[in-house]
Amino acid sequence: MATKSVKELLDDVRLLGDEQFSLVESVRKLVRETIPSVTEEVKYGGILFASGVQFCGVFAYKQHVSVEFGSGARIKDTTGHLEGGGKGRRHLKLRSADDIRAKALAHYLPLALEAARSGA
């Protein structure tokens, strides 16, 4: 089975609704602004971001958009917004555009990259 392109995945996300599509696009824009050397790859039903190492991904669901941090357990969560309690992963659930700022996504992105690099 062929891997979808980012555009094809975004076409699928658009079918979930305008809010999810807008959230995914806003996350992508913020990641590119925060980590200029980022690359994108479609995998596991979402868009994974890498800069030397994979450090996060964005996944759209019916009720929310999730930003997943593969090495999120290594992040010192001083703001208390990260969810999850497994050995490695943590995530932020975004339900509206306001959540991007309110849950401090821009704060977590460089921390996620640093955590991924330290675990590689």
PDB file of N, CA and C in Angstrom:
ATOM      1  N   MET A   1       0.841  -1.182   0.000  1.00  0.00           N
ATOM      2  CA  MET A   1       0.000   0.000   0.000  1.00  0.00           C
ATOM      3  C   MET A   1       0.885   1.245   0.000  1.00  0.00           C
ATOM      4  N   ALA A   2       0.594   2.162  -0.872  1.00  0.00           N
ATOM      5  CA  ALA A   2       1.418   3.362  -1.014  1.00  0.00           C
ATOM      6  C   ALA A   2       1.205   4.318   0.158  1.00  0.00           C
ATOM      7  N   THR A   3       2.259   4.985   0.530  1.00  0.00           N
ATOM      8  CA  THR A   3       2.188   5.989   1.581  1.00  0.00           C
ATOM      9  C   THR A   3       1.547   7.245   1.023  1.00  0.00           C
ATOM     10  N   LYS A   4       0.655   7.837   1.804  1.00  0.00           N
ATOM     11  CA  LYS A   4       0.004   9.069   1.372  1.00  0.00           C
ATOM     12  C   LYS A   4       0.988  10.231   1.427  1.00  0.00           C
ATOM     13  N   SER A   5       0.732  11.191   0.576  1.00  0.00           N
ATOM     14  CA  SER A   5       1.476  12.446   0.647  1.00  0.00           C
ATOM     15  C   SER A   5       0.827  13.320   1.718  1.00  0.00           C
ATOM     16  N   VAL A   6       1.520  14.369   2.118  1.00  0.00           N
ATOM     17  CA  VAL A   6       0.957  15.312   3.083  1.00  0.00           C
ATOM     18  C   VAL A   6      -0.337  15.900   2.526  1.00  0.00           C
ATOM     19  N   LYS A   7      -0.335  16.252   1.240  1.00  0.00           N
ATOM     20  CA  LYS A   7      -1.537  16.826   0.630  1.00  0.00           C
ATOM     21  C   LYS A   7      -2.706  15.843   0.690  1.00  0.00           C
ATOM     22  N   GLU A   8      -2.456  14.573   0.389  1.00  0.00           N
ATOM     23  CA  GLU A   8      -3.525  13.577   0.433  1.00  0.00           C
ATOM     24  C   GLU A   8      -4.071  13.409   1.854  1.00  0.00           C
ATOM     25  N   LEU A   9      -3.177  13.406   2.831  1.00  0.00           N
ATOM     26  CA  LEU A   9      -3.625  13.294   4.218  1.00  0.00           C
ATOM     27  C   LEU A   9      -4.458  14.522   4.607  1.00  0.00           C
ATOM     28  N   LEU A  10      -4.022  15.698   4.198  1.00  0.00           N
ATOM     29  CA  LEU A  10      -4.777  16.914   4.508  1.00  0.00           C
ATOM     30  C   LEU A  10      -6.156  16.899   3.852  1.00  0.00           C
ATOM     31  N   ASP A  11      -6.264  16.327   2.655  1.00  0.00           N
ATOM     32  CA  ASP A  11      -7.568  16.181   2.010  1.00  0.00           C
ATOM     33  C   ASP A  11      -8.481  15.307   2.871  1.00  0.00           C
ATOM     34  N   ASP A  12      -7.927  14.249   3.468  1.00  0.00           N
ATOM     35  CA  ASP A  12      -8.698  13.387   4.359  1.00  0.00           C
ATOM     36  C   ASP A  12      -9.091  14.124   5.634  1.00  0.00           C
ATOM     37  N   VAL A  13      -8.172  14.902   6.184  1.00  0.00           N
ATOM     38  CA  VAL A  13      -8.452  15.669   7.405  1.00  0.00           C
ATOM     39  C   VAL A  13      -9.577  16.663   7.156  1.00  0.00           C
ATOM     40  N   ARG A  14      -9.581  17.258   5.987  1.00  0.00           N
ATOM     41  CA  ARG A  14     -10.632  18.227   5.643  1.00  0.00           C
ATOM     42  C   ARG A  14     -12.015  17.582   5.751  1.00  0.00           C
ATOM     43  N   LEU A  15     -12.106  16.294   5.472  1.00  0.00           N
ATOM     44  CA  LEU A  15     -13.386  15.591   5.571  1.00  0.00           C
ATOM     45  C   LEU A  15     -13.873  15.479   7.018  1.00  0.00           C
ATOM     46  N   LEU A  16     -12.953  15.543   7.979  1.00  0.00           N
ATOM     47  CA  LEU A  16     -13.346  15.504   9.392  1.00  0.00           C
ATOM     48  C   LEU A  16     -14.019  16.808   9.819  1.00  0.00           C
ATOM     49  N   GLY A  17     -13.667  17.889   9.149  1.00  0.00           N
ATOM     50  CA  GLY A  17     -14.278  19.176   9.466  1.00  0.00           C
ATOM     51  C   GLY A  17     -13.286  20.317   9.336  1.00  0.00           C
ATOM     52  N   ASP A  18     -13.844  21.506   9.195  1.00  0.00           N
ATOM     53  CA  ASP A  18     -13.012  22.704   9.028  1.00  0.00           C
ATOM     54  C   ASP A  18     -12.150  22.972  10.252  1.00  0.00           C
ATOM     55  N   GLU A  19     -12.690  22.730  11.448  1.00  0.00           N
ATOM     56  CA  GLU A  19     -11.930  23.004  12.679  1.00  0.00           C
ATOM     57  C   GLU A  19     -10.686  22.127  12.750  1.00  0.00           C
ATOM     58  N   GLN A  20     -10.826  20.821  12.483  1.00  0.00           N
ATOM     59  CA  GLN A  20      -9.667  19.930  12.528  1.00  0.00           C
ATOM     60  C   GLN A  20      -8.649  20.309  11.460  1.00  0.00           C
ATOM     61  N   PHE A  21      -9.126  20.594  10.255  1.00  0.00           N
ATOM     62  CA  PHE A  21      -8.214  20.971   9.180  1.00  0.00           C
ATOM     63  C   PHE A  21      -7.445  22.238   9.555  1.00  0.00           C
ATOM     64  N   SER A  22      -8.153  23.239  10.049  1.00  0.00           N
ATOM     65  CA  SER A  22      -7.522  24.493  10.443  1.00  0.00           C
ATOM     66  C   SER A  22      -6.511  24.284  11.567  1.00  0.00           C
ATOM     67  N   LEU A  23      -6.852  23.434  12.538  1.00  0.00           N
ATOM     68  CA  LEU A  23      -5.924  23.150  13.640  1.00  0.00           C
ATOM     69  C   LEU A  23      -4.656  22.473  13.133  1.00  0.00           C
ATOM     70  N   VAL A  24      -4.808  21.477  12.269  1.00  0.00           N
ATOM     71  CA  VAL A  24      -3.635  20.779  11.729  1.00  0.00           C
ATOM     72  C   VAL A  24      -2.755  21.754  10.963  1.00  0.00           C
ATOM     73  N   GLU A  25      -3.354  22.597  10.141  1.00  0.00           N
ATOM     74  CA  GLU A  25      -2.577  23.571   9.380  1.00  0.00           C
ATOM     75  C   GLU A  25      -1.883  24.578  10.305  1.00  0.00           C
ATOM     76  N   SER A  26      -2.556  24.997  11.367  1.00  0.00           N
ATOM     77  CA  SER A  26      -1.949  25.923  12.327  1.00  0.00           C
ATOM     78  C   SER A  26      -0.774  25.279  13.053  1.00  0.00           C
ATOM     79  N   VAL A  27      -0.916  24.007  13.399  1.00  0.00           N
ATOM     80  CA  VAL A  27       0.191  23.285  14.044  1.00  0.00           C
ATOM     81  C   VAL A  27       1.368  23.186  13.088  1.00  0.00           C
ATOM     82  N   ARG A  28       1.115  22.816  11.839  1.00  0.00           N
ATOM     83  CA  ARG A  28       2.187  22.712  10.846  1.00  0.00           C
ATOM     84  C   ARG A  28       2.919  24.046  10.704  1.00  0.00           C
ATOM     85  N   LYS A  29       2.173  25.132  10.616  1.00  0.00           N
ATOM     86  CA  LYS A  29       2.775  26.460  10.465  1.00  0.00           C
ATOM     87  C   LYS A  29       3.639  26.798  11.676  1.00  0.00           C
ATOM     88  N   LEU A  30       3.136  26.539  12.870  1.00  0.00           N
ATOM     89  CA  LEU A  30       3.886  26.844  14.082  1.00  0.00           C
ATOM     90  C   LEU A  30       5.158  25.997  14.173  1.00  0.00           C
ATOM     91  N   VAL A  31       5.069  24.731  13.802  1.00  0.00           N
ATOM     92  CA  VAL A  31       6.257  23.865  13.821  1.00  0.00           C
ATOM     93  C   VAL A  31       7.306  24.415  12.860  1.00  0.00           C
ATOM     94  N   ARG A  32       6.899  24.790  11.651  1.00  0.00           N
ATOM     95  CA  ARG A  32       7.854  25.324  10.659  1.00  0.00           C
ATOM     96  C   ARG A  32       8.471  26.640  11.120  1.00  0.00           C
ATOM     97  N   GLU A  33       7.695  27.473  11.804  1.00  0.00           N
ATOM     98  CA  GLU A  33       8.223  28.748  12.310  1.00  0.00           C
ATOM     99  C   GLU A  33       9.189  28.531  13.475  1.00  0.00           C
ATOM    100  N   THR A  34       8.908  27.544  14.302  1.00  0.00           N
ATOM    101  CA  THR A  34       9.695  27.297  15.512  1.00  0.00           C
ATOM    102  C   THR A  34      10.963  26.498  15.217  1.00  0.00           C
ATOM    103  N   ILE A  35      10.861  25.528  14.322  1.00  0.00           N
ATOM    104  CA  ILE A  35      11.984  24.656  13.955  1.00  0.00           C
ATOM    105  C   ILE A  35      12.154  24.766  12.439  1.00  0.00           C
ATOM    106  N   PRO A  36      12.892  25.760  11.954  1.00  0.00           N
ATOM    107  CA  PRO A  36      12.974  26.011  10.505  1.00  0.00           C
ATOM    108  C   PRO A  36      13.496  24.839   9.674  1.00  0.00           C
ATOM    109  N   SER A  37      14.304  23.973  10.244  1.00  0.00           N
ATOM    110  CA  SER A  37      14.881  22.863   9.477  1.00  0.00           C
ATOM    111  C   SER A  37      13.996  21.612   9.489  1.00  0.00           C
ATOM    112  N   VAL A  38      12.723  21.758   9.795  1.00  0.00           N
ATOM    113  CA  VAL A  38      11.832  20.612   9.959  1.00  0.00           C
ATOM    114  C   VAL A  38      11.454  19.978   8.618  1.00  0.00           C
ATOM    115  N   THR A  39      11.279  18.669   8.656  1.00  0.00           N
ATOM    116  CA  THR A  39      10.728  17.929   7.521  1.00  0.00           C
ATOM    117  C   THR A  39       9.446  17.244   7.978  1.00  0.00           C
ATOM    118  N   GLU A  40       8.596  16.908   7.014  1.00  0.00           N
ATOM    119  CA  GLU A  40       7.320  16.258   7.305  1.00  0.00           C
ATOM    120  C   GLU A  40       7.254  14.915   6.589  1.00  0.00           C
ATOM    121  N   GLU A  41       6.612  13.962   7.267  1.00  0.00           N
ATOM    122  CA  GLU A  41       6.410  12.637   6.684  1.00  0.00           C
ATOM    123  C   GLU A  41       5.065  12.111   7.173  1.00  0.00           C
ATOM    124  N   VAL A  42       4.295  11.528   6.265  1.00  0.00           N
ATOM    125  CA  VAL A  42       3.027  10.915   6.649  1.00  0.00           C
ATOM    126  C   VAL A  42       3.306   9.503   7.136  1.00  0.00           C
ATOM    127  N   LYS A  43       2.871   9.225   8.367  1.00  0.00           N
ATOM    128  CA  LYS A  43       3.086   7.912   8.967  1.00  0.00           C
ATOM    129  C   LYS A  43       2.104   7.736  10.114  1.00  0.00           C
ATOM    130  N   TYR A  44       1.624   6.527  10.301  1.00  0.00           N
ATOM    131  CA  TYR A  44       0.720   6.199  11.405  1.00  0.00           C
ATOM    132  C   TYR A  44      -0.574   7.012  11.371  1.00  0.00           C
ATOM    133  N   GLY A  45      -0.963   7.483  10.206  1.00  0.00           N
ATOM    134  CA  GLY A  45      -2.198   8.237  10.084  1.00  0.00           C
ATOM    135  C   GLY A  45      -2.092   9.708  10.428  1.00  0.00           C
ATOM    136  N   GLY A  46      -0.868  10.209  10.545  1.00  0.00           N
ATOM    137  CA  GLY A  46      -0.665  11.622  10.864  1.00  0.00           C
ATOM    138  C   GLY A  46       0.558  12.151  10.149  1.00  0.00           C
ATOM    139  N   ILE A  47       0.935  13.354  10.509  1.00  0.00           N
ATOM    140  CA  ILE A  47       2.129  13.981   9.938  1.00  0.00           C
ATOM    141  C   ILE A  47       3.188  14.015  11.034  1.00  0.00           C
ATOM    142  N   LEU A  48       4.321  13.368  10.770  1.00  0.00           N
ATOM    143  CA  LEU A  48       5.439  13.360  11.715  1.00  0.00           C
ATOM    144  C   LEU A  48       6.442  14.430  11.305  1.00  0.00           C
ATOM    145  N   PHE A  49       6.987  15.100  12.305  1.00  0.00           N
ATOM    146  CA  PHE A  49       7.967  16.155  12.086  1.00  0.00           C
ATOM    147  C   PHE A  49       9.331  15.695  12.573  1.00  0.00           C
ATOM    148  N   ALA A  50      10.360  16.030  11.809  1.00  0.00           N
ATOM    149  CA  ALA A  50      11.725  15.657  12.174  1.00  0.00           C
ATOM    150  C   ALA A  50      12.670  16.806  11.871  1.00  0.00           C
ATOM    151  N   SER A  51      13.739  16.851  12.652  1.00  0.00           N
ATOM    152  CA  SER A  51      14.853  17.752  12.400  1.00  0.00           C
ATOM    153  C   SER A  51      16.096  16.979  12.856  1.00  0.00           C
ATOM    154  N   GLY A  52      16.535  16.067  12.003  1.00  0.00           N
ATOM    155  CA  GLY A  52      17.590  15.136  12.386  1.00  0.00           C
ATOM    156  C   GLY A  52      17.014  13.891  13.024  1.00  0.00           C
ATOM    157  N   VAL A  53      16.055  14.075  13.924  1.00  0.00           N
ATOM    158  CA  VAL A  53      15.315  12.979  14.561  1.00  0.00           C
ATOM    159  C   VAL A  53      13.833  13.359  14.566  1.00  0.00           C
ATOM    160  N   GLN A  54      12.967  12.347  14.572  1.00  0.00           N
ATOM    161  CA  GLN A  54      11.538  12.626  14.718  1.00  0.00           C
ATOM    162  C   GLN A  54      11.281  13.097  16.140  1.00  0.00           C
ATOM    163  N   PHE A  55      10.514  14.176  16.265  1.00  0.00           N
ATOM    164  CA  PHE A  55      10.277  14.707  17.611  1.00  0.00           C
ATOM    165  C   PHE A  55       8.809  14.929  17.939  1.00  0.00           C
ATOM    166  N   CYS A  56       7.942  14.995  16.936  1.00  0.00           N
ATOM    167  CA  CYS A  56       6.517  15.095  17.236  1.00  0.00           C
ATOM    168  C   CYS A  56       5.703  14.804  15.993  1.00  0.00           C
ATOM    169  N   GLY A  57       4.410  14.693  16.198  1.00  0.00           N
ATOM    170  CA  GLY A  57       3.499  14.465  15.095  1.00  0.00           C
ATOM    171  C   GLY A  57       2.150  15.074  15.404  1.00  0.00           C
ATOM    172  N   VAL A  58       1.368  15.308  14.362  1.00  0.00           N
ATOM    173  CA  VAL A  58       0.025  15.842  14.524  1.00  0.00           C
ATOM    174  C   VAL A  58      -0.968  14.857  13.901  1.00  0.00           C
ATOM    175  N   PHE A  59      -2.023  14.567  14.671  1.00  0.00           N
ATOM    176  CA  PHE A  59      -3.010  13.574  14.287  1.00  0.00           C
ATOM    177  C   PHE A  59      -4.399  14.162  14.495  1.00  0.00           C
ATOM    178  N   ALA A  60      -5.260  14.034  13.488  1.00  0.00           N
ATOM    179  CA  ALA A  60      -6.608  14.596  13.555  1.00  0.00           C
ATOM    180  C   ALA A  60      -7.614  13.500  13.874  1.00  0.00           C
ATOM    181  N   TYR A  61      -8.496  13.806  14.798  1.00  0.00           N
ATOM    182  CA  TYR A  61      -9.587  12.921  15.195  1.00  0.00           C
ATOM    183  C   TYR A  61     -10.893  13.701  15.086  1.00  0.00           C
ATOM    184  N   LYS A  62     -12.014  13.016  15.226  1.00  0.00           N
ATOM    185  CA  LYS A  62     -13.309  13.672  15.087  1.00  0.00           C
ATOM    186  C   LYS A  62     -13.501  14.825  16.063  1.00  0.00           C
ATOM    187  N   GLN A  63     -13.097  14.646  17.304  1.00  0.00           N
ATOM    188  CA  GLN A  63     -13.376  15.626  18.346  1.00  0.00           C
ATOM    189  C   GLN A  63     -12.193  16.520  18.713  1.00  0.00           C
ATOM    190  N   HIS A  64     -10.995  16.191  18.239  1.00  0.00           N
ATOM    191  CA  HIS A  64      -9.820  16.979  18.607  1.00  0.00           C
ATOM    192  C   HIS A  64      -8.662  16.688  17.655  1.00  0.00           C
ATOM    193  N   VAL A  65      -7.606  17.464  17.807  1.00  0.00           N
ATOM    194  CA  VAL A  65      -6.336  17.226  17.127  1.00  0.00           C
ATOM    195  C   VAL A  65      -5.313  16.977  18.222  1.00  0.00           C
ATOM    196  N   SER A  66      -4.500  15.966  18.043  1.00  0.00           N
ATOM    197  CA  SER A  66      -3.504  15.608  19.045  1.00  0.00           C
ATOM    198  C   SER A  66      -2.102  15.890  18.508  1.00  0.00           C
ATOM    199  N   VAL A  67      -1.293  16.567  19.319  1.00  0.00           N
ATOM    200  CA  VAL A  67       0.111  16.746  18.995  1.00  0.00           C
ATOM    201  C   VAL A  67       0.872  15.799  19.916  1.00  0.00           C
ATOM    202  N   GLU A  68       1.523  14.807  19.308  1.00  0.00           N
ATOM    203  CA  GLU A  68       2.176  13.728  20.049  1.00  0.00           C
ATOM    204  C   GLU A  68       3.678  13.952  20.103  1.00  0.00           C
ATOM    205  N   PHE A  69       4.242  13.747  21.279  1.00  0.00           N
ATOM    206  CA  PHE A  69       5.683  13.871  21.489  1.00  0.00           C
ATOM    207  C   PHE A  69       6.228  12.493  21.847  1.00  0.00           C
ATOM    208  N   GLY A  70       6.982  11.876  20.933  1.00  0.00           N
ATOM    209  CA  GLY A  70       7.497  10.527  21.131  1.00  0.00           C
ATOM    210  C   GLY A  70       8.394  10.382  22.346  1.00  0.00           C
ATOM    211  N   SER A  71       9.127  11.413  22.679  1.00  0.00           N
ATOM    212  CA  SER A  71       9.997  11.404  23.866  1.00  0.00           C
ATOM    213  C   SER A  71       9.464  12.370  24.918  1.00  0.00           C
ATOM    214  N   GLY A  72       8.169  12.540  24.940  1.00  0.00           N
ATOM    215  CA  GLY A  72       7.532  13.514  25.821  1.00  0.00           C
ATOM    216  C   GLY A  72       7.761  13.291  27.303  1.00  0.00           C
ATOM    217  N   ALA A  73       8.008  12.038  27.698  1.00  0.00           N
ATOM    218  CA  ALA A  73       8.254  11.764  29.116  1.00  0.00           C
ATOM    219  C   ALA A  73       9.559  12.405  29.585  1.00  0.00           C
ATOM    220  N   ARG A  74      10.439  12.731  28.666  1.00  0.00           N
ATOM    221  CA  ARG A  74      11.712  13.394  29.009  1.00  0.00           C
ATOM    222  C   ARG A  74      11.566  14.908  29.166  1.00  0.00           C
ATOM    223  N   ILE A  75      10.409  15.446  28.782  1.00  0.00           N
ATOM    224  CA  ILE A  75      10.185  16.887  28.860  1.00  0.00           C
ATOM    225  C   ILE A  75       9.798  17.259  30.288  1.00  0.00           C
ATOM    226  N   LYS A  76      10.472  18.242  30.833  1.00  0.00           N
ATOM    227  CA  LYS A  76      10.097  18.769  32.140  1.00  0.00           C
ATOM    228  C   LYS A  76       8.868  19.652  31.903  1.00  0.00           C
ATOM    229  N   ASP A  77       7.728  19.189  32.360  1.00  0.00           N
ATOM    230  CA  ASP A  77       6.452  19.836  32.058  1.00  0.00           C
ATOM    231  C   ASP A  77       6.107  20.880  33.119  1.00  0.00           C
ATOM    232  N   THR A  78       6.723  22.041  33.014  1.00  0.00           N
ATOM    233  CA  THR A  78       6.520  23.096  34.008  1.00  0.00           C
ATOM    234  C   THR A  78       5.155  23.766  33.890  1.00  0.00           C
ATOM    235  N   THR A  79       4.508  23.671  32.725  1.00  0.00           N
ATOM    236  CA  THR A  79       3.195  24.297  32.558  1.00  0.00           C
ATOM    237  C   THR A  79       2.047  23.337  32.843  1.00  0.00           C
ATOM    238  N   GLY A  80       2.334  22.043  32.874  1.00  0.00           N
ATOM    239  CA  GLY A  80       1.330  21.052  33.244  1.00  0.00           C
ATOM    240  C   GLY A  80       0.278  20.732  32.202  1.00  0.00           C
ATOM    241  N   HIS A  81       0.580  20.968  30.939  1.00  0.00           N
ATOM    242  CA  HIS A  81      -0.408  20.714  29.887  1.00  0.00           C
ATOM    243  C   HIS A  81      -0.275  19.344  29.221  1.00  0.00           C
ATOM    244  N   LEU A  82       0.860  18.682  29.378  1.00  0.00           N
ATOM    245  CA  LEU A  82       1.052  17.403  28.705  1.00  0.00           C
ATOM    246  C   LEU A  82       0.150  16.335  29.320  1.00  0.00           C
ATOM    247  N   GLU A  83      -0.395  15.508  28.450  1.00  0.00           N
ATOM    248  CA  GLU A  83      -1.235  14.396  28.882  1.00  0.00           C
ATOM    249  C   GLU A  83      -0.527  13.089  28.563  1.00  0.00           C
ATOM    250  N   GLY A  84      -0.889  12.050  29.288  1.00  0.00           N
ATOM    251  CA  GLY A  84      -0.329  10.721  29.068  1.00  0.00           C
ATOM    252  C   GLY A  84       0.568  10.323  30.221  1.00  0.00           C
ATOM    253  N   GLY A  85       0.648   9.031  30.464  1.00  0.00           N
ATOM    254  CA  GLY A  85       1.440   8.552  31.583  1.00  0.00           C
ATOM    255  C   GLY A  85       2.279   7.343  31.261  1.00  0.00           C
ATOM    256  N   GLY A  86       2.458   7.046  29.976  1.00  0.00           N
ATOM    257  CA  GLY A  86       3.270   5.903  29.582  1.00  0.00           C
ATOM    258  C   GLY A  86       4.748   6.155  29.773  1.00  0.00           C
ATOM    259  N   LYS A  87       5.553   5.170  29.379  1.00  0.00           N
ATOM    260  CA  LYS A  87       7.010   5.265  29.550  1.00  0.00           C
ATOM    261  C   LYS A  87       7.640   6.365  28.709  1.00  0.00           C
ATOM    262  N   GLY A  88       7.081   6.648  27.521  1.00  0.00           N
ATOM    263  CA  GLY A  88       7.758   7.578  26.624  1.00  0.00           C
ATOM    264  C   GLY A  88       6.927   8.731  26.112  1.00  0.00           C
ATOM    265  N   ARG A  89       5.751   8.441  25.601  1.00  0.00           N
ATOM    266  CA  ARG A  89       4.974   9.446  24.871  1.00  0.00           C
ATOM    267  C   ARG A  89       4.179  10.359  25.795  1.00  0.00           C
ATOM    268  N   ARG A  90       3.986  11.593  25.304  1.00  0.00           N
ATOM    269  CA  ARG A  90       3.066  12.549  25.913  1.00  0.00           C
ATOM    270  C   ARG A  90       2.379  13.286  24.766  1.00  0.00           C
ATOM    271  N   HIS A  91       1.251  13.919  25.044  1.00  0.00           N
ATOM    272  CA  HIS A  91       0.535  14.618  23.980  1.00  0.00           C
ATOM    273  C   HIS A  91      -0.230  15.820  24.521  1.00  0.00           C
ATOM    274  N   LEU A  92      -0.594  16.678  23.597  1.00  0.00           N
ATOM    275  CA  LEU A  92      -1.494  17.804  23.853  1.00  0.00           C
ATOM    276  C   LEU A  92      -2.735  17.594  23.005  1.00  0.00           C
ATOM    277  N   LYS A  93      -3.915  17.687  23.608  1.00  0.00           N
ATOM    278  CA  LYS A  93      -5.163  17.634  22.854  1.00  0.00           C
ATOM    279  C   LYS A  93      -5.616  19.058  22.582  1.00  0.00           C
ATOM    280  N   LEU A  94      -5.827  19.337  21.305  1.00  0.00           N
ATOM    281  CA  LEU A  94      -6.280  20.658  20.878  1.00  0.00           C
ATOM    282  C   LEU A  94      -7.711  20.538  20.363  1.00  0.00           C
ATOM    283  N   ARG A  95      -8.607  21.310  20.955  1.00  0.00           N
ATOM    284  CA  ARG A  95     -10.003  21.282  20.532  1.00  0.00           C
ATOM    285  C   ARG A  95     -10.421  22.572  19.821  1.00  0.00           C
ATOM    286  N   SER A  96      -9.575  23.597  19.928  1.00  0.00           N
ATOM    287  CA  SER A  96      -9.862  24.876  19.268  1.00  0.00           C
ATOM    288  C   SER A  96      -8.541  25.581  18.992  1.00  0.00           C
ATOM    289  N   ALA A  97      -8.606  26.602  18.157  1.00  0.00           N
ATOM    290  CA  ALA A  97      -7.394  27.372  17.837  1.00  0.00           C
ATOM    291  C   ALA A  97      -6.816  28.012  19.089  1.00  0.00           C
ATOM    292  N   ASP A  98      -7.663  28.401  20.031  1.00  0.00           N
ATOM    293  CA  ASP A  98      -7.186  29.008  21.282  1.00  0.00           C
ATOM    294  C   ASP A  98      -6.304  28.052  22.080  1.00  0.00           C
ATOM    295  N   ASP A  99      -6.531  26.755  21.943  1.00  0.00           N
ATOM    296  CA  ASP A  99      -5.734  25.769  22.684  1.00  0.00           C
ATOM    297  C   ASP A  99      -4.262  25.784  22.274  1.00  0.00           C
ATOM    298  N   ILE A 100      -3.968  26.175  21.051  1.00  0.00           N
ATOM    299  CA  ILE A 100      -2.569  26.213  20.592  1.00  0.00           C
ATOM    300  C   ILE A 100      -1.766  27.155  21.480  1.00  0.00           C
ATOM    301  N   ARG A 101      -2.346  28.312  21.783  1.00  0.00           N
ATOM    302  CA  ARG A 101      -1.682  29.274  22.659  1.00  0.00           C
ATOM    303  C   ARG A 101      -1.871  28.886  24.129  1.00  0.00           C
ATOM    304  N   ALA A 102      -3.095  28.556  24.508  1.00  0.00           N
ATOM    305  CA  ALA A 102      -3.399  28.280  25.910  1.00  0.00           C
ATOM    306  C   ALA A 102      -2.611  27.084  26.451  1.00  0.00           C
ATOM    307  N   LYS A 103      -2.350  26.113  25.596  1.00  0.00           N
ATOM    308  CA  LYS A 103      -1.600  24.926  26.026  1.00  0.00           C
ATOM    309  C   LYS A 103      -0.117  25.027  25.681  1.00  0.00           C
ATOM    310  N   ALA A 104       0.312  26.206  25.265  1.00  0.00           N
ATOM    311  CA  ALA A 104       1.737  26.539  25.084  1.00  0.00           C
ATOM    312  C   ALA A 104       2.468  25.620  24.109  1.00  0.00           C
ATOM    313  N   LEU A 105       1.834  25.295  22.993  1.00  0.00           N
ATOM    314  CA  LEU A 105       2.475  24.408  22.020  1.00  0.00           C
ATOM    315  C   LEU A 105       3.846  24.922  21.596  1.00  0.00           C
ATOM    316  N   ALA A 106       3.982  26.220  21.344  1.00  0.00           N
ATOM    317  CA  ALA A 106       5.273  26.779  20.914  1.00  0.00           C
ATOM    318  C   ALA A 106       6.356  26.538  21.957  1.00  0.00           C
ATOM    319  N   HIS A 107       5.995  26.514  23.217  1.00  0.00           N
ATOM    320  CA  HIS A 107       6.937  26.237  24.313  1.00  0.00           C
ATOM    321  C   HIS A 107       7.443  24.794  24.247  1.00  0.00           C
ATOM    322  N   TYR A 108       6.539  23.868  23.925  1.00  0.00           N
ATOM    323  CA  TYR A 108       6.883  22.447  23.948  1.00  0.00           C
ATOM    324  C   TYR A 108       7.697  21.976  22.746  1.00  0.00           C
ATOM    325  N   LEU A 109       7.562  22.626  21.605  1.00  0.00           N
ATOM    326  CA  LEU A 109       8.225  22.132  20.391  1.00  0.00           C
ATOM    327  C   LEU A 109       9.743  22.023  20.525  1.00  0.00           C
ATOM    328  N   PRO A 110      10.465  23.078  20.937  1.00  0.00           N
ATOM    329  CA  PRO A 110      11.921  22.913  21.084  1.00  0.00           C
ATOM    330  C   PRO A 110      12.282  21.920  22.197  1.00  0.00           C
ATOM    331  N   LEU A 111      11.460  21.855  23.228  1.00  0.00           N
ATOM    332  CA  LEU A 111      11.711  20.876  24.301  1.00  0.00           C
ATOM    333  C   LEU A 111      11.560  19.449  23.778  1.00  0.00           C
ATOM    334  N   ALA A 112      10.572  19.247  22.917  1.00  0.00           N
ATOM    335  CA  ALA A 112      10.363  17.924  22.326  1.00  0.00           C
ATOM    336  C   ALA A 112      11.525  17.530  21.430  1.00  0.00           C
ATOM    337  N   LEU A 113      12.039  18.487  20.662  1.00  0.00           N
ATOM    338  CA  LEU A 113      13.186  18.210  19.796  1.00  0.00           C
ATOM    339  C   LEU A 113      14.401  17.868  20.639  1.00  0.00           C
ATOM    340  N   GLU A 114      14.641  18.648  21.680  1.00  0.00           N
ATOM    341  CA  GLU A 114      15.775  18.378  22.580  1.00  0.00           C
ATOM    342  C   GLU A 114      15.639  17.009  23.250  1.00  0.00           C
ATOM    343  N   ALA A 115      14.432  16.671  23.682  1.00  0.00           N
ATOM    344  CA  ALA A 115      14.191  15.374  24.328  1.00  0.00           C
ATOM    345  C   ALA A 115      14.440  14.223  23.356  1.00  0.00           C
ATOM    346  N   ALA A 116      13.999  14.380  22.109  1.00  0.00           N
ATOM    347  CA  ALA A 116      14.206  13.344  21.096  1.00  0.00           C
ATOM    348  C   ALA A 116      15.692  13.178  20.787  1.00  0.00           C
ATOM    349  N   ARG A 117      16.396  14.292  20.695  1.00  0.00           N
ATOM    350  CA  ARG A 117      17.840  14.222  20.404  1.00  0.00           C
ATOM    351  C   ARG A 117      18.602  13.585  21.556  1.00  0.00           C
ATOM    352  N   SER A 118      18.204  13.862  22.776  1.00  0.00           N
ATOM    353  CA  SER A 118      18.918  13.303  23.936  1.00  0.00           C
ATOM    354  C   SER A 118      18.658  11.815  24.096  1.00  0.00           C
ATOM    355  N   GLY A 119      17.573  11.334  23.510  1.00  0.00           N
ATOM    356  CA  GLY A 119      17.251   9.917  23.610  1.00  0.00           C
ATOM    357  C   GLY A 119      17.695   9.101  22.415  1.00  0.00           C
ATOM    358  N   ALA A 120      18.205   9.786  21.405  1.00  0.00           N
ATOM    359  CA  ALA A 120      18.601   9.080  20.160  1.00  0.00           C
ATOM    360  C   ALA A 120      19.935   8.379  20.301  1.00  0.00           C
TER     361      ALA A 120
END
